[in-house]
Amino acid sequence: MTALVLGLFLLVPTSALAVVSYVFEPVLSLTGGCKTSALDEVPDPGLCPIPPGTVYPEPGADHPSGSFKSPAIAIDEYGDIDVANVAEKEGRIDVFSPKGIFITEFVDPAGPQSIAVDSKGNVYLFERISGGERQIRRFPPTVYEPLKEEIQYAAEPQVIANESTKPVLSVLGPDSSVAVDASSDQLYVDTTVNVAVFGAASKGNELLEEEAITGLTHSSSITIDGQHEKIYLSDKPGTKFSGVLQEEQNGASVTVAFARNIAADASVNRDLERYRGLDFWKTRYSMGASVASSRRVSFSAGLNGGDQIRFVTNPFLGSSTVTDLSVTMKPVSRLQSDLSLDTTRFIDTRNDHLEFDVKIVRLLTTYQFTKRLLVRNITEHNTFDKTTGVNLLVTYRVNAGTVFFAGYDDRYRQGDKIDAALYSPDAYHRTNRAIFTKLQYLFRHQS
């Protein structure tokens, strides 16, 4: 494994910060209401970044970001800025150009806490939400191949590691973080007491090794210097107060693979997690299955339930149930539809009070009329913030470097979530509607 360096702080030259400074508004685009930004002439779905120089006070009741926060940021090899935004049950990644212009976004309701990007554009996230298990996921990029004049749209996110399976790490703590070695695209995961190394995405992100770090008490951030073969970890001395055990994980799992691309797995865990000075013993179970026997249709399902901590000021142990269902249909080679349903339900077992019950339904459909013309539609409904949205995009590729885009975006929200004094909770009202076009032209220069 690469040499390890433990550090309590990172010194950044002030000159590096004086070049340019941007403030990104962490309000989720799922709430709708995007307006044209000074940094972006095209009104994109969701709220756009605040112009440079804007200063806001600490988040509070009057602050537009409310309870949202931006826990992580990463820069890819092109200089684009990936900003993680997260609330209790919502999340997304915003992508900005080096000049701060909004480029795109993708939804991550699992709660991104740490982010890293490899040289191929794969985005790795450590996710942790109240009522759900911790996990590492990879979001593949959408790739344009000029020589083939084809656009390879991003595949579904892949789970690299979690608390139950794929694979079972000895620890995956609440402050875990991720980093990518730029020289090899290998993924490094700081589990708070260990460092796990996974192969590059091109090799399936296979777990290569996991090593306990002597003297590490409770790290919360990791970065890799591949050129000098060093790992930097930010440690929190004193986390193990007087030798008090912070976490303990015990579990068993089984995975079965059948013929015709059919697989199933199940696991049970009995874990100790210490939060805000309190010990919580959790018993959780999970099970899942996937069937990909046909080229025309495939599906997967997962269920994760049991004890879970409510991560609030006064935490308590409740019961959560997380389910995910997805179906991919490809009746003909040109048409593909991906339908998914993700639910999370949390109950305060002290009084059987339902803390929240979230359901997110998403349908992504693409139709390739010709090699040049493609239509994509995304329809999504979120019961947590009571929003519904439709996004239609038409892409016409003139040649290998010239692409024309035209789109329509429509967002609705339940009335009382907009303004309870003005609107009834019985109806949805439009919060944003946009029609936009974009022409992309690739300039080639040979020296």
Protein backbone atom coordinates (compact mmCIF):
# COMPACT_ATOMS: atom_id res chain seq x y z
CA MET A 1 0.00 0.00 0.00
CA THR A 2 1.08 3.59 -0.59
CA ALA A 3 2.96 5.26 2.27
CA LEU A 4 0.71 6.93 4.86
CA VAL A 5 0.92 10.44 6.26
CA LEU A 6 -1.40 11.49 9.08
CA GLY A 7 -2.24 15.18 9.31
CA LEU A 8 -4.44 17.41 11.43
CA PHE A 9 -4.57 20.35 9.03
CA LEU A 10 -3.85 21.37 5.46
CA LEU A 11 -2.02 24.61 4.72
CA VAL A 12 -3.16 26.24 1.46
CA PRO A 13 -1.23 29.23 0.02
CA THR A 14 -3.40 32.35 0.18
CA SER A 15 -2.48 33.20 -3.41
CA ALA A 16 -4.35 30.10 -4.54
CA LEU A 17 -7.55 31.41 -2.96
CA ALA A 18 -7.25 34.94 -4.29
CA VAL A 19 -7.67 34.00 -7.95
CA VAL A 20 -11.41 33.39 -7.98
CA SER A 21 -14.09 32.75 -5.37
CA TYR A 22 -17.61 31.40 -5.90
CA VAL A 23 -20.46 30.84 -3.49
CA PHE A 24 -22.77 27.98 -4.40
CA GLU A 25 -26.32 28.01 -3.08
CA PRO A 26 -27.00 24.57 -1.57
CA VAL A 27 -30.78 24.65 -2.09
CA LEU A 28 -31.78 21.47 -3.85
CA SER A 29 -33.03 21.69 -7.41
CA LEU A 30 -35.73 19.21 -6.41
CA THR A 31 -37.61 22.17 -4.93
CA GLY A 32 -37.79 23.86 -8.34
CA GLY A 33 -37.90 27.60 -8.96
CA CYS A 34 -34.73 28.09 -10.98
CA LYS A 35 -34.12 31.56 -12.39
CA THR A 36 -31.56 32.75 -14.90
CA SER A 37 -28.22 33.22 -13.16
CA ALA A 38 -25.63 35.85 -13.95
CA LEU A 39 -23.30 32.91 -14.51
CA ASP A 40 -25.59 30.99 -16.83
CA GLU A 41 -27.75 32.52 -19.55
CA VAL A 42 -29.84 29.36 -19.98
CA PRO A 43 -32.34 28.73 -17.12
CA ASP A 44 -31.59 25.18 -16.07
CA PRO A 45 -33.83 22.96 -13.92
CA GLY A 46 -33.52 23.84 -10.24
CA LEU A 47 -31.88 26.75 -8.46
CA CYS A 48 -28.70 28.16 -10.00
CA PRO A 49 -25.49 29.21 -8.23
CA ILE A 50 -25.25 32.58 -6.49
CA PRO A 51 -23.11 35.09 -8.43
CA PRO A 52 -19.50 35.56 -7.19
CA GLY A 53 -19.08 37.85 -4.22
CA THR A 54 -22.50 37.17 -2.69
CA VAL A 55 -22.23 36.77 1.07
CA TYR A 56 -24.91 35.14 3.22
CA PRO A 57 -25.09 34.79 6.99
CA GLU A 58 -25.05 31.42 8.67
CA PRO A 59 -27.97 29.18 7.58
CA GLY A 60 -31.09 29.83 9.59
CA ALA A 61 -34.82 30.39 9.36
CA ASP A 62 -34.47 33.29 6.87
CA HIS A 63 -31.69 31.71 4.83
CA PRO A 64 -32.82 30.23 1.51
CA SER A 65 -30.70 27.14 2.06
CA GLY A 66 -32.54 26.27 5.29
CA SER A 67 -31.23 22.94 6.54
CA PHE A 68 -29.27 22.12 3.36
CA LYS A 69 -25.50 21.95 3.32
CA SER A 70 -22.65 21.33 0.90
CA PRO A 71 -20.42 18.78 2.65
CA ALA A 72 -17.98 18.03 -0.17
CA ILE A 73 -16.43 19.33 -3.36
CA ALA A 74 -14.15 17.83 -6.01
CA ILE A 75 -12.35 18.96 -9.16
CA ASP A 76 -12.07 16.70 -12.21
CA GLU A 77 -9.17 16.62 -14.68
CA TYR A 78 -10.86 19.28 -16.85
CA GLY A 79 -11.16 21.69 -13.93
CA ASP A 80 -14.92 21.27 -13.60
CA ILE A 81 -16.26 21.70 -10.07
CA ASP A 82 -18.46 18.96 -8.56
CA VAL A 83 -20.41 20.20 -5.52
CA ALA A 84 -22.34 17.84 -3.25
CA ASN A 85 -25.59 19.24 -1.82
CA VAL A 86 -27.52 17.34 0.82
CA ALA A 87 -30.45 17.68 3.20
CA GLU A 88 -31.92 15.03 5.46
CA LYS A 89 -33.55 13.01 2.71
CA GLU A 90 -32.45 14.75 -0.48
CA GLY A 91 -29.23 15.22 -2.34
CA ARG A 92 -27.70 16.11 -5.66
CA ILE A 93 -24.37 16.79 -7.33
CA ASP A 94 -24.01 20.09 -9.19
CA VAL A 95 -21.33 20.41 -11.86
CA PHE A 96 -19.87 23.83 -12.71
CA SER A 97 -17.26 24.91 -15.23
CA PRO A 98 -13.93 26.37 -14.02
CA LYS A 99 -15.56 29.80 -14.46
CA GLY A 100 -18.45 28.83 -12.20
CA ILE A 101 -21.02 28.35 -14.97
CA PHE A 102 -23.62 25.71 -14.18
CA ILE A 103 -23.20 22.70 -16.51
CA THR A 104 -25.40 19.90 -15.22
CA GLU A 105 -26.61 18.08 -12.15
CA PHE A 106 -27.71 14.62 -11.10
CA VAL A 107 -29.89 13.59 -8.20
CA ASP A 108 -28.49 11.53 -5.33
CA PRO A 109 -31.21 11.10 -2.68
CA ALA A 110 -28.91 8.81 -0.67
CA GLY A 111 -27.11 11.83 0.80
CA PRO A 112 -23.60 12.53 -0.60
CA GLN A 113 -21.05 13.21 2.15
CA SER A 114 -17.74 12.79 0.30
CA ILE A 115 -16.94 12.94 -3.41
CA ALA A 116 -14.10 12.00 -5.77
CA VAL A 117 -13.78 11.92 -9.56
CA ASP A 118 -11.44 9.74 -11.62
CA SER A 119 -9.81 10.52 -14.97
CA LYS A 120 -12.66 8.86 -16.91
CA GLY A 121 -15.35 10.99 -15.30
CA ASN A 122 -16.65 8.37 -12.86
CA VAL A 123 -17.98 10.07 -9.72
CA TYR A 124 -17.53 8.22 -6.42
CA LEU A 125 -19.70 9.14 -3.44
CA PHE A 126 -19.81 8.14 0.20
CA GLU A 127 -23.48 8.35 1.16
CA ARG A 128 -25.12 8.40 4.55
CA ILE A 129 -28.71 9.37 5.30
CA SER A 130 -30.87 9.18 8.37
CA GLY A 131 -32.71 5.88 8.19
CA GLY A 132 -30.45 4.36 5.54
CA GLU A 133 -27.20 2.44 5.56
CA ARG A 134 -23.83 3.86 4.58
CA GLN A 135 -22.48 3.02 1.18
CA ILE A 136 -19.97 3.87 -1.54
CA ARG A 137 -21.42 4.27 -5.03
CA ARG A 138 -19.98 4.97 -8.48
CA PHE A 139 -21.90 7.13 -10.94
CA PRO A 140 -20.64 6.42 -14.49
CA PRO A 141 -20.32 9.36 -16.91
CA THR A 142 -22.10 10.08 -20.16
CA VAL A 143 -19.43 9.71 -22.86
CA TYR A 144 -19.37 11.25 -26.32
CA GLU A 145 -17.27 9.35 -28.89
CA PRO A 146 -16.50 11.73 -31.81
CA LEU A 147 -14.98 9.04 -34.04
CA LYS A 148 -18.08 6.86 -33.77
CA GLU A 149 -20.41 9.89 -33.63
CA GLU A 150 -22.19 8.25 -30.74
CA ILE A 151 -23.24 9.29 -27.25
CA GLN A 152 -22.95 6.59 -24.59
CA TYR A 153 -25.37 7.62 -21.87
CA ALA A 154 -24.51 6.99 -18.25
CA ALA A 155 -25.39 3.61 -16.79
CA GLU A 156 -27.16 3.21 -13.46
CA PRO A 157 -25.06 3.93 -10.33
CA GLN A 158 -23.16 0.93 -8.97
CA VAL A 159 -22.74 0.07 -5.26
CA ILE A 160 -19.04 -0.46 -4.56
CA ALA A 161 -19.30 -1.15 -0.82
CA ASN A 162 -21.87 -0.83 1.95
CA GLU A 163 -22.55 -1.99 5.49
CA SER A 164 -24.03 -5.31 4.40
CA THR A 165 -22.55 -6.63 1.17
CA LYS A 166 -20.43 -5.72 -1.86
CA PRO A 167 -18.12 -6.41 -0.01
CA VAL A 168 -18.34 -6.40 3.78
CA LEU A 169 -15.66 -4.01 5.05
CA SER A 170 -14.57 -4.39 8.65
CA VAL A 171 -15.75 -0.82 9.26
CA LEU A 172 -17.60 1.84 7.28
CA GLY A 173 -17.84 4.67 9.78
CA PRO A 174 -20.17 7.70 9.78
CA ASP A 175 -17.35 10.04 8.67
CA SER A 176 -15.91 7.85 5.91
CA SER A 177 -14.50 9.59 2.84
CA VAL A 178 -13.27 8.73 -0.66
CA ALA A 179 -10.37 9.74 -2.89
CA VAL A 180 -8.97 8.65 -6.25
CA ASP A 181 -5.33 8.08 -7.15
CA ALA A 182 -4.93 10.09 -10.37
CA SER A 183 -2.04 7.92 -11.53
CA SER A 184 -4.02 4.65 -11.47
CA ASP A 185 -7.71 5.61 -10.99
CA GLN A 186 -7.78 3.32 -7.96
CA LEU A 187 -10.36 4.21 -5.34
CA TYR A 188 -9.27 4.76 -1.72
CA VAL A 189 -11.86 4.66 1.06
CA ASP A 190 -11.12 6.06 4.50
CA THR A 191 -13.41 4.05 6.79
CA THR A 192 -12.43 6.24 9.82
CA VAL A 193 -10.02 3.62 11.23
CA ASN A 194 -8.89 1.66 8.15
CA VAL A 195 -8.01 2.39 4.54
CA ALA A 196 -9.55 0.20 1.83
CA VAL A 197 -8.23 0.16 -1.74
CA PHE A 198 -10.41 -0.71 -4.74
CA GLY A 199 -9.32 -1.23 -8.33
CA ALA A 200 -10.17 1.21 -11.11
CA ALA A 201 -13.68 1.30 -12.61
CA SER A 202 -12.33 -0.36 -15.76
CA LYS A 203 -11.45 -3.37 -13.58
CA GLY A 204 -14.76 -3.54 -11.78
CA ASN A 205 -13.68 -1.69 -8.60
CA GLU A 206 -12.64 -4.98 -7.01
CA LEU A 207 -11.53 -4.74 -3.37
CA LEU A 208 -7.73 -5.08 -3.44
CA GLU A 209 -6.86 -4.66 0.23
CA GLU A 210 -7.97 -3.23 3.55
CA GLU A 211 -5.43 -2.17 6.12
CA ALA A 212 -5.79 -0.97 9.70
CA ILE A 213 -3.74 2.17 10.33
CA THR A 214 -1.79 2.16 13.58
CA GLY A 215 -2.45 5.26 15.64
CA LEU A 216 -5.52 6.31 13.65
CA THR A 217 -8.37 7.18 16.00
CA HIS A 218 -11.16 8.71 13.90
CA SER A 219 -10.22 10.09 10.50
CA SER A 220 -12.72 12.03 8.41
CA SER A 221 -10.95 12.95 5.18
CA ILE A 222 -8.49 11.35 2.78
CA THR A 223 -6.49 12.49 -0.24
CA ILE A 224 -3.92 10.71 -2.40
CA ASP A 225 -0.55 11.86 -3.73
CA GLY A 226 0.06 9.17 -6.34
CA GLN A 227 3.21 10.79 -7.68
CA HIS A 228 4.99 10.54 -4.33
CA GLU A 229 3.05 7.46 -3.20
CA LYS A 230 1.57 9.03 -0.08
CA ILE A 231 -1.84 8.96 1.59
CA TYR A 232 -2.96 11.93 3.67
CA LEU A 233 -5.60 11.45 6.37
CA SER A 234 -7.24 14.05 8.58
CA ASP A 235 -7.47 12.52 12.06
CA LYS A 236 -9.53 13.54 15.08
CA PRO A 237 -7.46 12.78 18.20
CA GLY A 238 -9.56 12.17 21.27
CA THR A 239 -12.48 10.57 19.46
CA LYS A 240 -11.93 7.39 21.47
CA PHE A 241 -12.50 9.05 24.81
CA SER A 242 -10.58 7.20 27.54
CA GLY A 243 -10.53 4.11 25.39
CA VAL A 244 -14.33 4.02 24.98
CA LEU A 245 -15.31 1.79 22.06
CA GLN A 246 -16.84 3.89 19.27
CA GLU A 247 -18.01 1.21 16.84
CA GLU A 248 -18.34 -2.53 16.62
CA GLN A 249 -19.71 -4.51 13.68
CA ASN A 250 -20.81 -8.12 13.62
CA GLY A 251 -22.61 -9.73 10.74
CA ALA A 252 -23.09 -12.56 8.33
CA SER A 253 -24.05 -12.56 4.66
CA VAL A 254 -24.67 -14.97 1.83
CA THR A 255 -24.74 -14.45 -1.93
CA VAL A 256 -26.10 -16.96 -4.41
CA ALA A 257 -25.62 -16.79 -8.19
CA PHE A 258 -27.80 -18.83 -10.52
CA ALA A 259 -27.75 -19.49 -14.22
CA ARG A 260 -29.16 -16.97 -16.70
CA ASN A 261 -27.82 -13.95 -14.76
CA ILE A 262 -29.98 -14.43 -11.67
CA ALA A 263 -28.54 -13.56 -8.26
CA ALA A 264 -29.73 -13.13 -4.68
CA ASP A 265 -28.15 -12.03 -1.41
CA ALA A 266 -29.08 -11.67 2.25
CA SER A 267 -27.34 -10.44 5.38
CA VAL A 268 -27.87 -9.64 9.05
CA ASN A 269 -25.81 -7.29 11.21
CA ARG A 270 -25.54 -6.52 14.90
CA ASP A 271 -23.58 -3.26 15.27
CA LEU A 272 -22.60 -0.77 17.93
CA GLU A 273 -22.45 2.89 16.90
CA ARG A 274 -21.62 5.73 19.26
CA TYR A 275 -23.18 9.08 18.38
CA ARG A 276 -23.09 12.27 20.47
CA GLY A 277 -21.68 10.31 23.38
CA LEU A 278 -24.44 7.68 23.35
CA ASP A 279 -24.10 3.97 22.53
CA PHE A 280 -26.63 2.54 20.09
CA TRP A 281 -26.85 -1.19 19.36
CA LYS A 282 -28.47 -1.81 15.99
CA THR A 283 -29.76 -5.03 14.47
CA ARG A 284 -30.34 -4.74 10.72
CA TYR A 285 -31.11 -7.12 7.91
CA SER A 286 -30.99 -6.84 4.14
CA MET A 287 -31.93 -8.93 1.15
CA GLY A 288 -31.84 -8.38 -2.57
CA ALA A 289 -32.24 -10.07 -5.94
CA SER A 290 -31.59 -9.28 -9.58
CA VAL A 291 -32.72 -10.94 -12.80
CA ALA A 292 -31.15 -10.12 -16.17
CA SER A 293 -32.06 -13.21 -18.18
CA SER A 294 -33.56 -11.29 -21.07
CA ARG A 295 -32.19 -8.51 -23.21
CA ARG A 296 -35.64 -6.97 -23.31
CA VAL A 297 -36.30 -6.68 -19.60
CA SER A 298 -34.34 -6.91 -16.35
CA PHE A 299 -35.14 -5.98 -12.80
CA SER A 300 -33.66 -5.75 -9.33
CA ALA A 301 -35.07 -5.35 -5.83
CA GLY A 302 -33.59 -4.68 -2.42
CA LEU A 303 -34.86 -4.44 1.15
CA ASN A 304 -32.93 -3.10 4.13
CA GLY A 305 -34.53 -2.73 7.55
CA GLY A 306 -34.10 -2.78 11.29
CA ASP A 307 -32.77 -0.44 13.95
CA GLN A 308 -31.40 2.94 12.91
CA ILE A 309 -30.25 6.10 14.62
CA ARG A 310 -32.17 9.33 14.10
CA PHE A 311 -29.27 11.73 13.56
CA VAL A 312 -30.68 14.82 15.23
CA THR A 313 -29.63 17.05 18.16
CA ASN A 314 -31.16 14.58 20.61
CA PRO A 315 -30.57 11.27 18.82
CA PHE A 316 -32.59 8.15 19.46
CA LEU A 317 -32.88 4.64 18.11
CA GLY A 318 -35.82 4.01 15.83
CA SER A 319 -36.74 1.62 13.07
CA SER A 320 -36.17 2.23 9.38
CA THR A 321 -37.09 0.36 6.22
CA VAL A 322 -35.40 1.12 2.92
CA THR A 323 -36.51 -0.45 -0.36
CA ASP A 324 -35.38 -0.03 -3.93
CA LEU A 325 -37.03 -1.47 -7.02
CA SER A 326 -35.92 -0.97 -10.60
CA VAL A 327 -37.00 -2.29 -13.98
CA THR A 328 -35.19 -1.77 -17.27
CA MET A 329 -37.19 -2.37 -20.43
CA LYS A 330 -35.77 -2.48 -23.93
CA PRO A 331 -38.53 -3.77 -26.23
CA VAL A 332 -36.58 -2.70 -29.33
CA SER A 333 -32.95 -1.74 -29.80
CA ARG A 334 -33.73 1.97 -30.16
CA LEU A 335 -35.97 2.31 -27.09
CA GLN A 336 -35.01 1.94 -23.43
CA SER A 337 -36.94 2.83 -20.27
CA ASP A 338 -35.67 2.68 -16.69
CA LEU A 339 -38.32 2.80 -13.97
CA SER A 340 -37.22 3.00 -10.34
CA LEU A 341 -38.89 3.34 -6.95
CA ASP A 342 -36.89 4.21 -3.82
CA THR A 343 -38.56 4.40 -0.43
CA THR A 344 -37.37 5.19 3.09
CA ARG A 345 -39.58 4.97 6.17
CA PHE A 346 -38.47 5.88 9.71
CA ILE A 347 -40.53 5.24 12.86
CA ASP A 348 -39.82 6.46 16.40
CA THR A 349 -40.38 3.17 18.23
CA ARG A 350 -40.76 4.96 21.56
CA ASN A 351 -44.22 6.17 20.58
CA ASP A 352 -44.79 4.61 17.12
CA HIS A 353 -44.59 8.08 15.56
CA LEU A 354 -43.83 8.17 11.84
CA GLU A 355 -40.86 10.52 11.45
CA PHE A 356 -40.86 10.43 7.66
CA ASP A 357 -41.99 8.28 4.76
CA VAL A 358 -40.29 9.13 1.49
CA LYS A 359 -41.03 7.70 -1.94
CA ILE A 360 -39.22 8.75 -5.11
CA VAL A 361 -40.49 7.46 -8.45
CA ARG A 362 -38.36 8.10 -11.53
CA LEU A 363 -38.82 7.16 -15.17
CA LEU A 364 -36.01 7.70 -17.66
CA THR A 365 -36.82 6.95 -21.30
CA THR A 366 -34.58 7.36 -24.35
CA TYR A 367 -35.38 6.75 -28.00
CA GLN A 368 -32.68 6.78 -30.67
CA PHE A 369 -34.53 7.70 -33.89
CA THR A 370 -31.36 7.77 -35.97
CA LYS A 371 -27.62 7.92 -35.33
CA ARG A 372 -28.02 11.69 -35.11
CA LEU A 373 -31.40 12.19 -33.44
CA LEU A 374 -32.20 11.15 -29.87
CA VAL A 375 -35.04 12.05 -27.50
CA ARG A 376 -34.81 11.65 -23.72
CA ASN A 377 -37.52 12.15 -21.13
CA ILE A 378 -37.22 12.18 -17.33
CA THR A 379 -40.32 12.16 -15.12
CA GLU A 380 -39.93 12.19 -11.34
CA HIS A 381 -42.18 12.46 -8.30
CA ASN A 382 -40.89 13.02 -4.75
CA THR A 383 -43.27 12.61 -1.81
CA PHE A 384 -40.87 14.18 0.70
CA ASP A 385 -40.86 17.69 -0.74
CA LYS A 386 -44.09 17.11 -2.71
CA THR A 387 -42.65 17.84 -6.14
CA THR A 388 -43.26 16.51 -9.63
CA GLY A 389 -41.17 17.29 -12.66
CA VAL A 390 -40.90 16.50 -16.36
CA ASN A 391 -37.78 17.12 -18.43
CA LEU A 392 -37.75 16.53 -22.20
CA LEU A 393 -34.52 16.84 -24.19
CA VAL A 394 -34.01 16.49 -27.95
CA THR A 395 -30.45 15.98 -29.17
CA TYR A 396 -29.44 16.30 -32.81
CA ARG A 397 -25.83 15.61 -33.74
CA VAL A 398 -24.90 17.44 -36.93
CA ASN A 399 -21.41 15.96 -37.05
CA ALA A 400 -18.70 14.68 -34.73
CA GLY A 401 -18.20 18.08 -33.11
CA THR A 402 -21.51 19.89 -33.52
CA VAL A 403 -24.57 19.03 -31.43
CA PHE A 404 -27.89 20.90 -31.11
CA PHE A 405 -30.00 20.58 -27.97
CA ALA A 406 -33.60 21.65 -27.40
CA GLY A 407 -35.47 21.00 -24.19
CA TYR A 408 -38.53 21.62 -22.08
CA ASP A 409 -38.64 21.48 -18.27
CA ASP A 410 -41.77 21.71 -16.10
CA ARG A 411 -41.84 21.62 -12.28
CA TYR A 412 -44.79 21.45 -9.88
CA ARG A 413 -45.07 21.46 -6.10
CA GLN A 414 -47.84 20.89 -3.59
CA GLY A 415 -49.45 24.20 -2.70
CA ASP A 416 -48.83 24.29 1.05
CA LYS A 417 -45.12 23.57 0.46
CA ILE A 418 -44.91 26.77 -1.58
CA ASP A 419 -46.93 29.02 0.74
CA ALA A 420 -49.45 27.53 3.16
CA ALA A 421 -51.25 30.87 3.48
CA LEU A 422 -51.85 31.24 -0.26
CA TYR A 423 -52.28 27.73 -1.60
CA SER A 424 -54.32 24.69 -0.72
CA PRO A 425 -52.52 21.40 0.02
CA ASP A 426 -54.96 19.60 -2.29
CA ALA A 427 -53.41 20.76 -5.56
CA TYR A 428 -50.02 21.06 -7.23
CA HIS A 429 -48.91 24.40 -8.68
CA ARG A 430 -46.26 25.15 -11.27
CA THR A 431 -43.06 26.53 -9.77
CA ASN A 432 -40.92 26.61 -12.87
CA ARG A 433 -41.25 26.16 -16.62
CA ALA A 434 -38.40 26.55 -19.08
CA ILE A 435 -37.81 26.08 -22.80
CA PHE A 436 -34.17 26.12 -23.76
CA THR A 437 -31.85 25.51 -26.70
CA LYS A 438 -28.13 25.03 -26.91
CA LEU A 439 -25.64 24.65 -29.76
CA GLN A 440 -22.36 22.90 -29.06
CA TYR A 441 -19.52 23.31 -31.55
CA LEU A 442 -16.11 21.72 -31.18
CA PHE A 443 -13.21 23.83 -32.44
CA ARG A 444 -10.15 21.89 -33.49
CA HIS A 445 -6.76 23.53 -33.61
CA GLN A 446 -3.64 21.86 -34.93
CA SER A 447 -0.30 23.38 -34.13
